[in-house]
């Protein structure tokens, strides 16, 4: 499937990282530890800014 991975920008430190948008566990920023995606049983609740859809 295409579009399952997104590049997300952290709202606290502006770090960008790639994450699975249907994550089963909480996704945190690798730099500051801020929560980026909260799992919701499907597409997670995205807390940061999506800057790109990857693969």
PDB file of N, CA and C in Angstrom:
ATOM      1  N   UNK A   1       0.839  -1.189   0.000  1.00  0.00           N
ATOM      2  CA  UNK A   1       0.000   0.000   0.000  1.00  0.00           C
ATOM      3  C   UNK A   1       0.878   1.244   0.000  1.00  0.00           C
ATOM      4  N   UNK A   2       0.429   2.245  -0.688  1.00  0.00           N
ATOM      5  CA  UNK A   2       1.184   3.484  -0.692  1.00  0.00           C
ATOM      6  C   UNK A   2       0.592   4.447   0.328  1.00  0.00           C
ATOM      7  N   UNK A   3       1.425   5.311   0.836  1.00  0.00           N
ATOM      8  CA  UNK A   3       0.961   6.326   1.756  1.00  0.00           C
ATOM      9  C   UNK A   3       0.821   5.889   3.202  1.00  0.00           C
ATOM     10  N   UNK A   4       1.379   4.722   3.572  1.00  0.00           N
ATOM     11  CA  UNK A   4       1.274   4.273   4.953  1.00  0.00           C
ATOM     12  C   UNK A   4       2.332   4.905   5.853  1.00  0.00           C
ATOM     13  N   UNK A   5       3.383   5.434   5.261  1.00  0.00           N
ATOM     14  CA  UNK A   5       4.424   6.100   6.026  1.00  0.00           C
ATOM     15  C   UNK A   5       4.368   7.594   5.746  1.00  0.00           C
ATOM     16  N   UNK A   6       4.603   8.377   6.785  1.00  0.00           N
ATOM     17  CA  UNK A   6       4.572   9.828   6.656  1.00  0.00           C
ATOM     18  C   UNK A   6       5.817  10.429   7.285  1.00  0.00           C
ATOM     19  N   UNK A   7       6.222  11.572   6.765  1.00  0.00           N
ATOM     20  CA  UNK A   7       7.275  12.347   7.415  1.00  0.00           C
ATOM     21  C   UNK A   7       6.541  13.370   8.260  1.00  0.00           C
ATOM     22  N   UNK A   8       6.833  13.365   9.541  1.00  0.00           N
ATOM     23  CA  UNK A   8       6.105  14.216  10.485  1.00  0.00           C
ATOM     24  C   UNK A   8       7.081  15.152  11.192  1.00  0.00           C
ATOM     25  N   UNK A   9       6.658  16.402  11.353  1.00  0.00           N
ATOM     26  CA  UNK A   9       7.485  17.430  11.990  1.00  0.00           C
ATOM     27  C   UNK A   9       7.034  17.598  13.436  1.00  0.00           C
ATOM     28  N   UNK A  10       7.959  17.488  14.353  1.00  0.00           N
ATOM     29  CA  UNK A  10       7.662  17.628  15.776  1.00  0.00           C
ATOM     30  C   UNK A  10       7.191  19.056  16.077  1.00  0.00           C
ATOM     31  N   UNK A  11       6.086  19.200  16.807  1.00  0.00           N
ATOM     32  CA  UNK A  11       5.589  20.544  17.131  1.00  0.00           C
ATOM     33  C   UNK A  11       6.454  21.278  18.165  1.00  0.00           C
ATOM     34  N   UNK A  12       7.296  20.549  18.892  1.00  0.00           N
ATOM     35  CA  UNK A  12       8.105  21.171  19.941  1.00  0.00           C
ATOM     36  C   UNK A  12       9.510  21.569  19.482  1.00  0.00           C
ATOM     37  N   UNK A  13      10.189  20.668  18.719  1.00  0.00           N
ATOM     38  CA  UNK A  13      11.584  20.950  18.364  1.00  0.00           C
ATOM     39  C   UNK A  13      11.825  21.033  16.861  1.00  0.00           C
ATOM     40  N   UNK A  14      10.810  20.816  16.043  1.00  0.00           N
ATOM     41  CA  UNK A  14      10.873  20.899  14.580  1.00  0.00           C
ATOM     42  C   UNK A  14      11.699  19.779  13.931  1.00  0.00           C
ATOM     43  N   UNK A  15      12.036  18.743  14.687  1.00  0.00           N
ATOM     44  CA  UNK A  15      12.704  17.577  14.110  1.00  0.00           C
ATOM     45  C   UNK A  15      11.721  16.881  13.169  1.00  0.00           C
ATOM     46  N   UNK A  16      12.226  16.372  12.037  1.00  0.00           N
ATOM     47  CA  UNK A  16      11.381  15.612  11.119  1.00  0.00           C
ATOM     48  C   UNK A  16      11.821  14.161  11.122  1.00  0.00           C
ATOM     49  N   UNK A  17      10.857  13.255  11.175  1.00  0.00           N
ATOM     50  CA  UNK A  17      11.170  11.836  11.123  1.00  0.00           C
ATOM     51  C   UNK A  17      10.042  11.100  10.425  1.00  0.00           C
ATOM     52  N   UNK A  18      10.355   9.903   9.928  1.00  0.00           N
ATOM     53  CA  UNK A  18       9.390   9.086   9.213  1.00  0.00           C
ATOM     54  C   UNK A  18       8.744   8.123  10.197  1.00  0.00           C
ATOM     55  N   UNK A  19       7.419   7.975  10.099  1.00  0.00           N
ATOM     56  CA  UNK A  19       6.682   7.095  11.004  1.00  0.00           C
ATOM     57  C   UNK A  19       5.549   6.406  10.246  1.00  0.00           C
ATOM     58  N   UNK A  20       5.086   5.287  10.778  1.00  0.00           N
ATOM     59  CA  UNK A  20       3.947   4.550  10.244  1.00  0.00           C
ATOM     60  C   UNK A  20       2.684   5.210  10.777  1.00  0.00           C
ATOM     61  N   UNK A  21       1.795   5.664   9.894  1.00  0.00           N
ATOM     62  CA  UNK A  21       0.630   6.420  10.362  1.00  0.00           C
ATOM     63  C   UNK A  21      -0.413   5.568  11.068  1.00  0.00           C
ATOM     64  N   UNK A  22      -0.332   4.226  10.928  1.00  0.00           N
ATOM     65  CA  UNK A  22      -1.251   3.326  11.626  1.00  0.00           C
ATOM     66  C   UNK A  22      -0.517   2.621  12.772  1.00  0.00           C
ATOM     67  N   UNK A  23       0.263   3.371  13.497  1.00  0.00           N
ATOM     68  CA  UNK A  23       1.095   2.824  14.566  1.00  0.00           C
ATOM     69  C   UNK A  23       0.253   2.179  15.669  1.00  0.00           C
ATOM     70  N   UNK A  24       0.728   1.044  16.169  1.00  0.00           N
ATOM     71  CA  UNK A  24       0.036   0.332  17.254  1.00  0.00           C
ATOM     72  C   UNK A  24       0.503   0.810  18.624  1.00  0.00           C
ATOM     73  N   UNK A  25       1.627   1.502  18.659  1.00  0.00           N
ATOM     74  CA  UNK A  25       2.139   2.065  19.911  1.00  0.00           C
ATOM     75  C   UNK A  25       2.403   3.554  19.708  1.00  0.00           C
ATOM     76  N   UNK A  26       2.518   4.278  20.789  1.00  0.00           N
ATOM     77  CA  UNK A  26       2.773   5.713  20.727  1.00  0.00           C
ATOM     78  C   UNK A  26       4.108   5.985  20.040  1.00  0.00           C
ATOM     79  N   UNK A  27       4.120   6.942  19.125  1.00  0.00           N
ATOM     80  CA  UNK A  27       5.340   7.334  18.426  1.00  0.00           C
ATOM     81  C   UNK A  27       5.823   8.640  19.042  1.00  0.00           C
ATOM     82  N   UNK A  28       7.089   8.655  19.461  1.00  0.00           N
ATOM     83  CA  UNK A  28       7.654   9.859  20.069  1.00  0.00           C
ATOM     84  C   UNK A  28       8.804  10.396  19.234  1.00  0.00           C
ATOM     85  N   UNK A  29       9.095  11.661  19.416  1.00  0.00           N
ATOM     86  CA  UNK A  29      10.200  12.328  18.722  1.00  0.00           C
ATOM     87  C   UNK A  29      11.524  11.747  19.218  1.00  0.00           C
ATOM     88  N   UNK A  30      12.422  11.466  18.269  1.00  0.00           N
ATOM     89  CA  UNK A  30      13.728  10.916  18.632  1.00  0.00           C
ATOM     90  C   UNK A  30      14.618  11.943  19.332  1.00  0.00           C
ATOM     91  N   UNK A  31      14.320  13.228  19.162  1.00  0.00           N
ATOM     92  CA  UNK A  31      15.163  14.276  19.728  1.00  0.00           C
ATOM     93  C   UNK A  31      14.678  14.713  21.110  1.00  0.00           C
ATOM     94  N   UNK A  32      13.396  15.107  21.215  1.00  0.00           N
ATOM     95  CA  UNK A  32      12.926  15.679  22.476  1.00  0.00           C
ATOM     96  C   UNK A  32      11.953  14.786  23.246  1.00  0.00           C
ATOM     97  N   UNK A  33      11.469  13.701  22.622  1.00  0.00           N
ATOM     98  CA  UNK A  33      10.570  12.782  23.312  1.00  0.00           C
ATOM     99  C   UNK A  33       9.102  13.173  23.280  1.00  0.00           C
ATOM    100  N   UNK A  34       8.758  14.235  22.574  1.00  0.00           N
ATOM    101  CA  UNK A  34       7.363  14.674  22.465  1.00  0.00           C
ATOM    102  C   UNK A  34       6.541  13.632  21.700  1.00  0.00           C
ATOM    103  N   UNK A  35       5.273  13.481  22.034  1.00  0.00           N
ATOM    104  CA  UNK A  35       4.396  12.527  21.363  1.00  0.00           C
ATOM    105  C   UNK A  35       4.028  13.044  19.977  1.00  0.00           C
ATOM    106  N   UNK A  36       4.232  12.197  18.954  1.00  0.00           N
ATOM    107  CA  UNK A  36       3.913  12.569  17.581  1.00  0.00           C
ATOM    108  C   UNK A  36       2.650  11.889  17.076  1.00  0.00           C
ATOM    109  N   UNK A  37       2.465  10.603  17.421  1.00  0.00           N
ATOM    110  CA  UNK A  37       1.281   9.866  16.989  1.00  0.00           C
ATOM    111  C   UNK A  37       0.753   9.051  18.167  1.00  0.00           C
ATOM    112  N   UNK A  38      -0.557   9.157  18.409  1.00  0.00           N
ATOM    113  CA  UNK A  38      -1.237   8.380  19.440  1.00  0.00           C
ATOM    114  C   UNK A  38      -2.078   7.323  18.727  1.00  0.00           C
ATOM    115  N   UNK A  39      -1.903   6.031  19.043  1.00  0.00           N
ATOM    116  CA  UNK A  39      -2.677   4.984  18.357  1.00  0.00           C
ATOM    117  C   UNK A  39      -4.170   5.092  18.653  1.00  0.00           C
ATOM    118  N   UNK A  40      -4.987   4.834  17.614  1.00  0.00           N
ATOM    119  CA  UNK A  40      -6.441   4.934  17.758  1.00  0.00           C
ATOM    120  C   UNK A  40      -7.161   3.756  17.107  1.00  0.00           C
ATOM    121  N   UNK A  41      -6.485   2.620  16.909  1.00  0.00           N
ATOM    122  CA  UNK A  41      -7.135   1.458  16.314  1.00  0.00           C
ATOM    123  C   UNK A  41      -7.299   1.566  14.817  1.00  0.00           C
ATOM    124  N   UNK A  42      -6.466   2.281  14.160  1.00  0.00           N
ATOM    125  CA  UNK A  42      -6.480   2.526  12.718  1.00  0.00           C
ATOM    126  C   UNK A  42      -5.446   3.596  12.475  1.00  0.00           C
ATOM    127  N   UNK A  43      -5.808   4.607  11.730  1.00  0.00           N
ATOM    128  CA  UNK A  43      -4.895   5.734  11.555  1.00  0.00           C
ATOM    129  C   UNK A  43      -4.821   6.472  12.884  1.00  0.00           C
ATOM    130  N   UNK A  44      -3.598   6.674  13.364  1.00  0.00           N
ATOM    131  CA  UNK A  44      -3.411   7.307  14.661  1.00  0.00           C
ATOM    132  C   UNK A  44      -3.723   8.793  14.653  1.00  0.00           C
ATOM    133  N   UNK A  45      -3.858   9.340  15.841  1.00  0.00           N
ATOM    134  CA  UNK A  45      -4.057  10.782  16.001  1.00  0.00           C
ATOM    135  C   UNK A  45      -2.697  11.448  15.867  1.00  0.00           C
ATOM    136  N   UNK A  46      -2.519  12.226  14.814  1.00  0.00           N
ATOM    137  CA  UNK A  46      -1.235  12.844  14.513  1.00  0.00           C
ATOM    138  C   UNK A  46      -1.147  14.179  15.235  1.00  0.00           C
ATOM    139  N   UNK A  47      -0.107  14.335  16.059  1.00  0.00           N
ATOM    140  CA  UNK A  47       0.063  15.548  16.865  1.00  0.00           C
ATOM    141  C   UNK A  47       0.951  16.585  16.189  1.00  0.00           C
ATOM    142  N   UNK A  48       1.800  16.148  15.258  1.00  0.00           N
ATOM    143  CA  UNK A  48       2.699  17.063  14.568  1.00  0.00           C
ATOM    144  C   UNK A  48       2.172  17.414  13.190  1.00  0.00           C
ATOM    145  N   UNK A  49       3.003  18.061  12.407  1.00  0.00           N
ATOM    146  CA  UNK A  49       2.643  18.474  11.051  1.00  0.00           C
ATOM    147  C   UNK A  49       3.168  17.447  10.061  1.00  0.00           C
ATOM    148  N   UNK A  50       2.295  16.920   9.200  1.00  0.00           N
ATOM    149  CA  UNK A  50       2.717  15.980   8.157  1.00  0.00           C
ATOM    150  C   UNK A  50       3.328  16.810   7.036  1.00  0.00           C
ATOM    151  N   UNK A  51       4.617  16.557   6.743  1.00  0.00           N
ATOM    152  CA  UNK A  51       5.308  17.326   5.711  1.00  0.00           C
ATOM    153  C   UNK A  51       5.416  16.560   4.396  1.00  0.00           C
ATOM    154  N   UNK A  52       5.259  15.228   4.444  1.00  0.00           N
ATOM    155  CA  UNK A  52       5.391  14.436   3.224  1.00  0.00           C
ATOM    156  C   UNK A  52       4.791  13.053   3.437  1.00  0.00           C
ATOM    157  N   UNK A  53       4.208  12.491   2.384  1.00  0.00           N
ATOM    158  CA  UNK A  53       3.745  11.120   2.402  1.00  0.00           C
ATOM    159  C   UNK A  53       4.832  10.292   1.721  1.00  0.00           C
ATOM    160  N   UNK A  54       5.314   9.245   2.409  1.00  0.00           N
ATOM    161  CA  UNK A  54       6.426   8.447   1.915  1.00  0.00           C
ATOM    162  C   UNK A  54       5.931   7.032   1.642  1.00  0.00           C
ATOM    163  N   UNK A  55       6.239   6.526   0.457  1.00  0.00           N
ATOM    164  CA  UNK A  55       5.921   5.146   0.082  1.00  0.00           C
ATOM    165  C   UNK A  55       4.584   4.755   0.443  1.00  0.00           C
TER     166      UNK A  55
END
